[in-house]
Each structure stands twice: as structure tokens, then as C-alpha cells.
PDB file of N, CA and C in Angstrom:
ATOM      1  N   MET A   1      86.781  98.980  91.898  1.00  0.00           N
ATOM      2  CA  MET A   1      86.868  97.960  92.912  1.00  0.00           C
ATOM      3  C   MET A   1      86.403  98.536  94.246  1.00  0.00           C
ATOM      4  N   GLU A   2      85.557  97.804  94.957  1.00  0.00           N
ATOM      5  CA  GLU A   2      85.001  98.275  96.215  1.00  0.00           C
ATOM      6  C   GLU A   2      85.975  98.025  97.356  1.00  0.00           C
ATOM      7  N   ARG A   3      86.116  99.004  98.245  1.00  0.00           N
ATOM      8  CA  ARG A   3      87.046  98.858  99.365  1.00  0.00           C
ATOM      9  C   ARG A   3      86.386  98.128 100.512  1.00  0.00           C
ATOM     10  N   SER A   4      87.156  97.388 101.245  1.00  0.00           N
ATOM     11  CA  SER A   4      86.676  96.646 102.396  1.00  0.00           C
ATOM     12  C   SER A   4      86.587  97.570 103.608  1.00  0.00           C
ATOM     13  N   LEU A   5      85.686  97.238 104.539  1.00  0.00           N
ATOM     14  CA  LEU A   5      85.572  98.022 105.762  1.00  0.00           C
ATOM     15  C   LEU A   5      86.756  97.778 106.689  1.00  0.00           C
ATOM     16  N   ASN A   6      87.247  96.574 106.719  1.00  0.00           N
ATOM     17  CA  ASN A   6      88.257  96.200 107.694  1.00  0.00           C
ATOM     18  C   ASN A   6      89.649  96.192 107.072  1.00  0.00           C
ATOM     19  N   ILE A   7      90.221  97.366 106.927  1.00  0.00           N
ATOM     20  CA  ILE A   7      91.592  97.476 106.436  1.00  0.00           C
ATOM     21  C   ILE A   7      92.461  97.789 107.644  1.00  0.00           C
ATOM     22  N   PRO A   8      93.289  96.850 108.072  1.00  0.00           N
ATOM     23  CA  PRO A   8      94.091  97.097 109.271  1.00  0.00           C
ATOM     24  C   PRO A   8      95.219  98.089 108.998  1.00  0.00           C
ATOM     25  N   TYR A   9      95.645  98.748 110.057  1.00  0.00           N
ATOM     26  CA  TYR A   9      96.791  99.656 109.978  1.00  0.00           C
ATOM     27  C   TYR A   9      98.050  98.811 109.871  1.00  0.00           C
ATOM     28  N   LYS A  10      98.906  99.158 108.955  1.00  0.00           N
ATOM     29  CA  LYS A  10     100.140  98.407 108.740  1.00  0.00           C
ATOM     30  C   LYS A  10     101.313  99.369 108.852  1.00  0.00           C
ATOM     31  N   LYS A  11     102.211  99.082 109.795  1.00  0.00           N
ATOM     32  CA  LYS A  11     103.384  99.943 109.960  1.00  0.00           C
ATOM     33  C   LYS A  11     104.314  99.772 108.779  1.00  0.00           C
ATOM     34  N   GLU A  12     104.882 100.882 108.340  1.00  0.00           N
ATOM     35  CA  GLU A  12     105.877 100.853 107.275  1.00  0.00           C
ATOM     36  C   GLU A  12     107.156 101.484 107.818  1.00  0.00           C
ATOM     37  N   TYR A  13     108.264 100.851 107.541  1.00  0.00           N
ATOM     38  CA  TYR A  13     109.551 101.313 108.049  1.00  0.00           C
ATOM     39  C   TYR A  13     110.420 101.818 106.894  1.00  0.00           C
ATOM     40  N   ASP A  14     111.271 102.791 107.195  1.00  0.00           N
ATOM     41  CA  ASP A  14     112.237 103.252 106.193  1.00  0.00           C
ATOM     42  C   ASP A  14     113.537 102.452 106.347  1.00  0.00           C
ATOM     43  N   LYS A  15     114.584 102.848 105.637  1.00  0.00           N
ATOM     44  CA  LYS A  15     115.850 102.102 105.648  1.00  0.00           C
ATOM     45  C   LYS A  15     116.519 102.083 107.021  1.00  0.00           C
ATOM     46  N   ASN A  16     116.310 103.143 107.798  1.00  0.00           N
ATOM     47  CA  ASN A  16     116.937 103.236 109.121  1.00  0.00           C
ATOM     48  C   ASN A  16     116.141 102.526 110.212  1.00  0.00           C
ATOM     49  N   GLY A  17     114.982 101.998 109.889  1.00  0.00           N
ATOM     50  CA  GLY A  17     114.161 101.307 110.883  1.00  0.00           C
ATOM     51  C   GLY A  17     113.165 102.211 111.585  1.00  0.00           C
ATOM     52  N   ASN A  18     113.006 103.442 111.122  1.00  0.00           N
ATOM     53  CA  ASN A  18     112.022 104.358 111.701  1.00  0.00           C
ATOM     54  C   ASN A  18     110.667 104.149 111.030  1.00  0.00           C
ATOM     55  N   VAL A  19     109.621 104.413 111.772  1.00  0.00           N
ATOM     56  CA  VAL A  19     108.269 104.256 111.241  1.00  0.00           C
ATOM     57  C   VAL A  19     107.963 105.408 110.295  1.00  0.00           C
ATOM     58  N   LYS A  20     107.538 105.079 109.052  1.00  0.00           N
ATOM     59  CA  LYS A  20     107.236 106.106 108.051  1.00  0.00           C
ATOM     60  C   LYS A  20     105.832 106.686 108.235  1.00  0.00           C
ATOM     61  N   ASN A  21     104.900 105.871 108.687  1.00  0.00           N
ATOM     62  CA  ASN A  21     103.503 106.330 108.798  1.00  0.00           C
ATOM     63  C   ASN A  21     102.984 106.164 110.229  1.00  0.00           C
ATOM     64  N   PRO A  22     103.488 106.966 111.175  1.00  0.00           N
ATOM     65  CA  PRO A  22     103.006 106.829 112.556  1.00  0.00           C
ATOM     66  C   PRO A  22     101.568 107.356 112.694  1.00  0.00           C
ATOM     67  N   ILE A  23     100.871 106.802 113.653  1.00  0.00           N
ATOM     68  CA  ILE A  23      99.521 107.298 113.949  1.00  0.00           C
ATOM     69  C   ILE A  23      99.674 108.435 114.939  1.00  0.00           C
ATOM     70  N   ILE A  24      99.245 109.619 114.551  1.00  0.00           N
ATOM     71  CA  ILE A  24      99.298 110.786 115.419  1.00  0.00           C
ATOM     72  C   ILE A  24      97.852 111.153 115.731  1.00  0.00           C
ATOM     73  N   GLY A  25      97.498 111.101 116.994  1.00  0.00           N
ATOM     74  CA  GLY A  25      96.108 111.358 117.383  1.00  0.00           C
ATOM     75  C   GLY A  25      95.293 110.089 117.226  1.00  0.00           C
ATOM     76  N   SER A  26      94.078 110.216 116.766  1.00  0.00           N
ATOM     77  CA  SER A  26      93.226 109.038 116.600  1.00  0.00           C
ATOM     78  C   SER A  26      93.293 108.564 115.151  1.00  0.00           C
ATOM     79  N   TYR A  27      93.045 107.280 114.973  1.00  0.00           N
ATOM     80  CA  TYR A  27      93.066 106.681 113.634  1.00  0.00           C
ATOM     81  C   TYR A  27      91.700 106.896 112.999  1.00  0.00           C
ATOM     82  N   ILE A  28      91.618 107.722 111.987  1.00  0.00           N
ATOM     83  CA  ILE A  28      90.354 108.090 111.356  1.00  0.00           C
ATOM     84  C   ILE A  28      90.066 107.141 110.200  1.00  0.00           C
ATOM     85  N   SER A  29      88.844 106.626 110.178  1.00  0.00           N
ATOM     86  CA  SER A  29      88.417 105.739 109.112  1.00  0.00           C
ATOM     87  C   SER A  29      87.323 106.420 108.295  1.00  0.00           C
ATOM     88  N   GLU A  30      87.197 106.033 107.043  1.00  0.00           N
ATOM     89  CA  GLU A  30      86.148 106.602 106.185  1.00  0.00           C
ATOM     90  C   GLU A  30      84.785 106.017 106.529  1.00  0.00           C
ATOM     91  N   PHE A  31      84.774 104.861 107.168  1.00  0.00           N
ATOM     92  CA  PHE A  31      83.539 104.128 107.425  1.00  0.00           C
ATOM     93  C   PHE A  31      83.124 104.264 108.884  1.00  0.00           C
ATOM     94  N   ASP A  32      81.854 103.946 109.150  1.00  0.00           N
ATOM     95  CA  ASP A  32      81.355 103.942 110.521  1.00  0.00           C
ATOM     96  C   ASP A  32      82.030 102.827 111.312  1.00  0.00           C
ATOM     97  N   ASN A  33      82.194 103.057 112.616  1.00  0.00           N
ATOM     98  CA  ASN A  33      82.746 102.002 113.436  1.00  0.00           C
ATOM     99  C   ASN A  33      81.664 100.944 113.708  1.00  0.00           C
ATOM    100  N   ARG A  34      82.031  99.890 114.397  1.00  0.00           N
ATOM    101  CA  ARG A  34      81.125  98.754 114.601  1.00  0.00           C
ATOM    102  C   ARG A  34      79.867  99.177 115.359  1.00  0.00           C
ATOM    103  N   LYS A  35      80.014 100.032 116.362  1.00  0.00           N
ATOM    104  CA  LYS A  35      78.865 100.473 117.148  1.00  0.00           C
ATOM    105  C   LYS A  35      77.841 101.201 116.264  1.00  0.00           C
ATOM    106  N   LYS A  36      78.304 102.084 115.397  1.00  0.00           N
ATOM    107  CA  LYS A  36      77.397 102.821 114.511  1.00  0.00           C
ATOM    108  C   LYS A  36      76.729 101.894 113.502  1.00  0.00           C
ATOM    109  N   ARG A  37      77.485 100.908 112.963  1.00  0.00           N
ATOM    110  CA  ARG A  37      76.897  99.971 112.011  1.00  0.00           C
ATOM    111  C   ARG A  37      75.833  99.117 112.682  1.00  0.00           C
ATOM    112  N   ARG A  38      76.076  98.720 113.933  1.00  0.00           N
ATOM    113  CA  ARG A  38      75.100  97.898 114.650  1.00  0.00           C
ATOM    114  C   ARG A  38      73.844  98.696 115.006  1.00  0.00           C
ATOM    115  N   GLU A  39      73.982  99.997 115.265  1.00  0.00           N
ATOM    116  CA  GLU A  39      72.818 100.823 115.564  1.00  0.00           C
ATOM    117  C   GLU A  39      71.837 100.810 114.398  1.00  0.00           C
ATOM    118  N   LYS A  40      72.371 100.831 113.175  1.00  0.00           N
ATOM    119  CA  LYS A  40      71.498 100.773 112.007  1.00  0.00           C
ATOM    120  C   LYS A  40      70.760  99.447 111.941  1.00  0.00           C
ATOM    121  N   ASP A  41      71.461  98.344 112.293  1.00  0.00           N
ATOM    122  CA  ASP A  41      70.838  97.025 112.265  1.00  0.00           C
ATOM    123  C   ASP A  41      69.848  96.845 113.406  1.00  0.00           C
ATOM    124  N   GLN A  42      70.094  97.473 114.546  1.00  0.00           N
ATOM    125  CA  GLN A  42      69.277  97.253 115.732  1.00  0.00           C
ATOM    126  C   GLN A  42      67.994  98.073 115.745  1.00  0.00           C
ATOM    127  N   LYS A  43      67.804  98.951 114.786  1.00  0.00           N
ATOM    128  CA  LYS A  43      66.583  99.761 114.778  1.00  0.00           C
ATOM    129  C   LYS A  43      65.338  98.889 114.688  1.00  0.00           C
ATOM    130  N   SER A  44      65.408  97.823 113.919  1.00  0.00           N
ATOM    131  CA  SER A  44      64.251  96.936 113.784  1.00  0.00           C
ATOM    132  C   SER A  44      64.563  95.564 114.363  1.00  0.00           C
ATOM    133  N   ARG A  45      65.261  95.531 115.521  1.00  0.00           N
ATOM    134  CA  ARG A  45      65.715  94.275 116.079  1.00  0.00           C
ATOM    135  C   ARG A  45      64.572  93.408 116.573  1.00  0.00           C
ATOM    136  N   PHE A  46      63.440  94.009 116.899  1.00  0.00           N
ATOM    137  CA  PHE A  46      62.333  93.233 117.437  1.00  0.00           C
ATOM    138  C   PHE A  46      61.671  92.371 116.365  1.00  0.00           C
ATOM    139  N   TYR A  47      61.716  92.806 115.131  1.00  0.00           N
ATOM    140  CA  TYR A  47      61.070  92.084 114.053  1.00  0.00           C
ATOM    141  C   TYR A  47      62.062  91.101 113.457  1.00  0.00           C
ATOM    142  N   GLY A  48      61.805  89.816 113.632  1.00  0.00           N
ATOM    143  CA  GLY A  48      62.770  88.794 113.256  1.00  0.00           C
ATOM    144  C   GLY A  48      62.645  88.355 111.817  1.00  0.00           C
ATOM    145  N   GLU A  49      63.518  87.428 111.444  1.00  0.00           N
ATOM    146  CA  GLU A  49      63.548  86.929 110.080  1.00  0.00           C
ATOM    147  C   GLU A  49      62.556  85.793 109.852  1.00  0.00           C
ATOM    148  N   SER A  50      62.159  85.127 110.934  1.00  0.00           N
ATOM    149  CA  SER A  50      61.301  83.955 110.747  1.00  0.00           C
ATOM    150  C   SER A  50      59.865  84.362 110.446  1.00  0.00           C
ATOM    151  N   LYS A  51      59.154  83.479 109.802  1.00  0.00           N
ATOM    152  CA  LYS A  51      57.764  83.760 109.453  1.00  0.00           C
ATOM    153  C   LYS A  51      56.805  83.280 110.531  1.00  0.00           C
ATOM    154  N   ASN A  52      57.172  82.244 111.261  1.00  0.00           N
ATOM    155  CA  ASN A  52      56.227  81.625 112.187  1.00  0.00           C
ATOM    156  C   ASN A  52      56.555  81.880 113.660  1.00  0.00           C
ATOM    157  N   TYR A  53      57.764  81.638 114.062  1.00  0.00           N
ATOM    158  CA  TYR A  53      58.119  81.694 115.480  1.00  0.00           C
ATOM    159  C   TYR A  53      59.249  82.682 115.661  1.00  0.00           C
ATOM    160  N   HIS A  54      58.974  83.855 116.215  1.00  0.00           N
ATOM    161  CA  HIS A  54      59.966  84.913 116.372  1.00  0.00           C
ATOM    162  C   HIS A  54      60.741  84.671 117.658  1.00  0.00           C
ATOM    163  N   LEU A  55      62.037  84.456 117.511  1.00  0.00           N
ATOM    164  CA  LEU A  55      62.874  84.084 118.638  1.00  0.00           C
ATOM    165  C   LEU A  55      64.112  84.979 118.676  1.00  0.00           C
ATOM    166  N   THR A  56      64.437  85.454 119.876  1.00  0.00           N
ATOM    167  CA  THR A  56      65.661  86.205 120.085  1.00  0.00           C
ATOM    168  C   THR A  56      66.566  85.374 120.967  1.00  0.00           C
ATOM    169  N   VAL A  57      67.817  85.194 120.546  1.00  0.00           N
ATOM    170  CA  VAL A  57      68.786  84.443 121.319  1.00  0.00           C
ATOM    171  C   VAL A  57      69.842  85.426 121.792  1.00  0.00           C
ATOM    172  N   HIS A  58      70.022  85.483 123.117  1.00  0.00           N
ATOM    173  CA  HIS A  58      71.022  86.371 123.714  1.00  0.00           C
ATOM    174  C   HIS A  58      71.900  85.515 124.618  1.00  0.00           C
ATOM    175  N   GLY A  59      73.090  85.182 124.118  1.00  0.00           N
ATOM    176  CA  GLY A  59      73.959  84.283 124.870  1.00  0.00           C
ATOM    177  C   GLY A  59      73.344  82.898 124.918  1.00  0.00           C
ATOM    178  N   ARG A  60      73.086  82.402 126.117  1.00  0.00           N
ATOM    179  CA  ARG A  60      72.446  81.084 126.237  1.00  0.00           C
ATOM    180  C   ARG A  60      70.969  81.179 126.570  1.00  0.00           C
ATOM    181  N   PHE A  61      70.423  82.386 126.560  1.00  0.00           N
ATOM    182  CA  PHE A  61      69.009  82.584 126.858  1.00  0.00           C
ATOM    183  C   PHE A  61      68.223  82.796 125.569  1.00  0.00           C
ATOM    184  N   LYS A  62      66.992  82.303 125.535  1.00  0.00           N
ATOM    185  CA  LYS A  62      66.129  82.450 124.367  1.00  0.00           C
ATOM    186  C   LYS A  62      64.834  83.127 124.804  1.00  0.00           C
ATOM    187  N   TYR A  63      64.371  84.068 123.996  1.00  0.00           N
ATOM    188  CA  TYR A  63      63.152  84.803 124.299  1.00  0.00           C
ATOM    189  C   TYR A  63      62.251  84.809 123.076  1.00  0.00           C
ATOM    190  N   LYS A  64      60.974  84.548 123.294  1.00  0.00           N
ATOM    191  CA  LYS A  64      59.999  84.650 122.209  1.00  0.00           C
ATOM    192  C   LYS A  64      59.497  86.087 122.162  1.00  0.00           C
ATOM    193  N   ARG A  65      59.391  86.635 120.955  1.00  0.00           N
ATOM    194  CA  ARG A  65      58.918  88.008 120.780  1.00  0.00           C
ATOM    195  C   ARG A  65      57.430  87.990 120.461  1.00  0.00           C
ATOM    196  N   ILE A  66      56.696  88.841 121.151  1.00  0.00           N
ATOM    197  CA  ILE A  66      55.253  88.948 120.922  1.00  0.00           C
ATOM    198  C   ILE A  66      54.900  90.426 120.779  1.00  0.00           C
ATOM    199  N   LYS A  67      54.135  90.751 119.746  1.00  0.00           N
ATOM    200  CA  LYS A  67      53.640  92.113 119.566  1.00  0.00           C
ATOM    201  C   LYS A  67      52.193  92.167 120.033  1.00  0.00           C
ATOM    202  N   GLN A  68      51.910  93.092 120.916  1.00  0.00           N
ATOM    203  CA  GLN A  68      50.553  93.299 121.409  1.00  0.00           C
ATOM    204  C   GLN A  68      50.053  94.618 120.834  1.00  0.00           C
ATOM    205  N   ILE A  69      48.920  94.581 120.173  1.00  0.00           N
ATOM    206  CA  ILE A  69      48.359  95.786 119.565  1.00  0.00           C
ATOM    207  C   ILE A  69      47.147  96.218 120.377  1.00  0.00           C
ATOM    208  N   GLU A  70      47.206  97.431 120.875  1.00  0.00           N
ATOM    209  CA  GLU A  70      46.120  97.992 121.687  1.00  0.00           C
ATOM    210  C   GLU A  70      45.562  99.212 120.975  1.00  0.00           C
ATOM    211  N   LYS A  71      44.312  99.512 121.228  1.00  0.00           N
ATOM    212  CA  LYS A  71      43.688 100.724 120.689  1.00  0.00           C
ATOM    213  C   LYS A  71      43.213 101.578 121.856  1.00  0.00           C
ATOM    214  N   ASP A  72      43.450 102.882 121.751  1.00  0.00           N
ATOM    215  CA  ASP A  72      42.928 103.768 122.787  1.00  0.00           C
ATOM    216  C   ASP A  72      41.506 104.174 122.451  1.00  0.00           C
ATOM    217  N   LYS A  73      40.902 105.022 123.277  1.00  0.00           N
ATOM    218  CA  LYS A  73      39.488 105.375 123.081  1.00  0.00           C
ATOM    219  C   LYS A  73      39.254 106.188 121.810  1.00  0.00           C
ATOM    220  N   PHE A  74      40.342 106.743 121.227  1.00  0.00           N
ATOM    221  CA  PHE A  74      40.212 107.505 119.982  1.00  0.00           C
ATOM    222  C   PHE A  74      40.421 106.633 118.754  1.00  0.00           C
ATOM    223  N   GLY A  75      40.779 105.367 118.955  1.00  0.00           N
ATOM    224  CA  GLY A  75      40.989 104.453 117.840  1.00  0.00           C
ATOM    225  C   GLY A  75      42.415 104.399 117.322  1.00  0.00           C
ATOM    226  N   ASN A  76      43.337 105.060 118.012  1.00  0.00           N
ATOM    227  CA  ASN A  76      44.739 105.026 117.614  1.00  0.00           C
ATOM    228  C   ASN A  76      45.380 103.720 118.070  1.00  0.00           C
ATOM    229  N   LYS A  77      46.223 103.150 117.208  1.00  0.00           N
ATOM    230  CA  LYS A  77      46.912 101.907 117.546  1.00  0.00           C
ATOM    231  C   LYS A  77      48.161 102.192 118.359  1.00  0.00           C
ATOM    232  N   LYS A  78      48.414 101.308 119.323  1.00  0.00           N
ATOM    233  CA  LYS A  78      49.629 101.370 120.107  1.00  0.00           C
ATOM    234  C   LYS A  78      50.211  99.963 120.134  1.00  0.00           C
ATOM    235  N   ILE A  79      51.470  99.815 119.731  1.00  0.00           N
ATOM    236  CA  ILE A  79      52.104  98.498 119.688  1.00  0.00           C
ATOM    237  C   ILE A  79      53.028  98.355 120.892  1.00  0.00           C
ATOM    238  N   ILE A  80      52.812  97.289 121.663  1.00  0.00           N
ATOM    239  CA  ILE A  80      53.637  96.979 122.824  1.00  0.00           C
ATOM    240  C   ILE A  80      54.409  95.710 122.487  1.00  0.00           C
ATOM    241  N   GLU A  81      55.730  95.763 122.654  1.00  0.00           N
ATOM    242  CA  GLU A  81      56.573  94.637 122.306  1.00  0.00           C
ATOM    243  C   GLU A  81      57.007  93.916 123.584  1.00  0.00           C
ATOM    244  N   HIS A  82      56.779  92.617 123.636  1.00  0.00           N
ATOM    245  CA  HIS A  82      57.109  91.812 124.809  1.00  0.00           C
ATOM    246  C   HIS A  82      58.135  90.753 124.452  1.00  0.00           C
ATOM    247  N   TYR A  83      58.994  90.427 125.404  1.00  0.00           N
ATOM    248  CA  TYR A  83      59.881  89.272 125.311  1.00  0.00           C
ATOM    249  C   TYR A  83      59.435  88.285 126.382  1.00  0.00           C
ATOM    250  N   ASN A  84      59.086  87.066 125.983  1.00  0.00           N
ATOM    251  CA  ASN A  84      58.692  86.031 126.955  1.00  0.00           C
ATOM    252  C   ASN A  84      59.747  84.980 127.043  1.00  0.00           C
TER     253      ASN A  84
END
């Protein structure tokens, strides 16, 4: 059975009302935190899911993504990414 990423900490008490499993120091998880998981997703954030109209929505603002491909005098490609 596969374990879920979001397993909350649950306090357990003994008969006297003392906490059996206190958190001492930081709470260590086997999985990456949200920031690390999002970094993996954001590596290719410019390339969208749509086939025709690439759109990024940030809050209430919308931006169209455009890739500009330039070549230098040696023939090497350089990709410039714009948000309009």
C-alpha cells in the first residue's frame, strides 16, 4: 500500500494525560516539502499544457507566453521567453 504525502501529526496521550509522542526539534518527513515539490514542477513552467494558446494565470492577471528564437552569427539558437 502506498503512503500518502500528507500524514498529519497526531498527539497520543497515555493514561495520565501526558503526551506519548512529543515533537522534539523539527518534525522530519520522508517526503519533500511543498516548496521542493513545486520546484520540480516549475522547471518547465513556461511551456504550457495547451496546444494553441499558451496562457499563464497569476491571481487575477493573465499573460500570454511567447517563445522567440534567435540565432547568433555562429548559427547557435537562443530562446527568449516573453510574457505579454
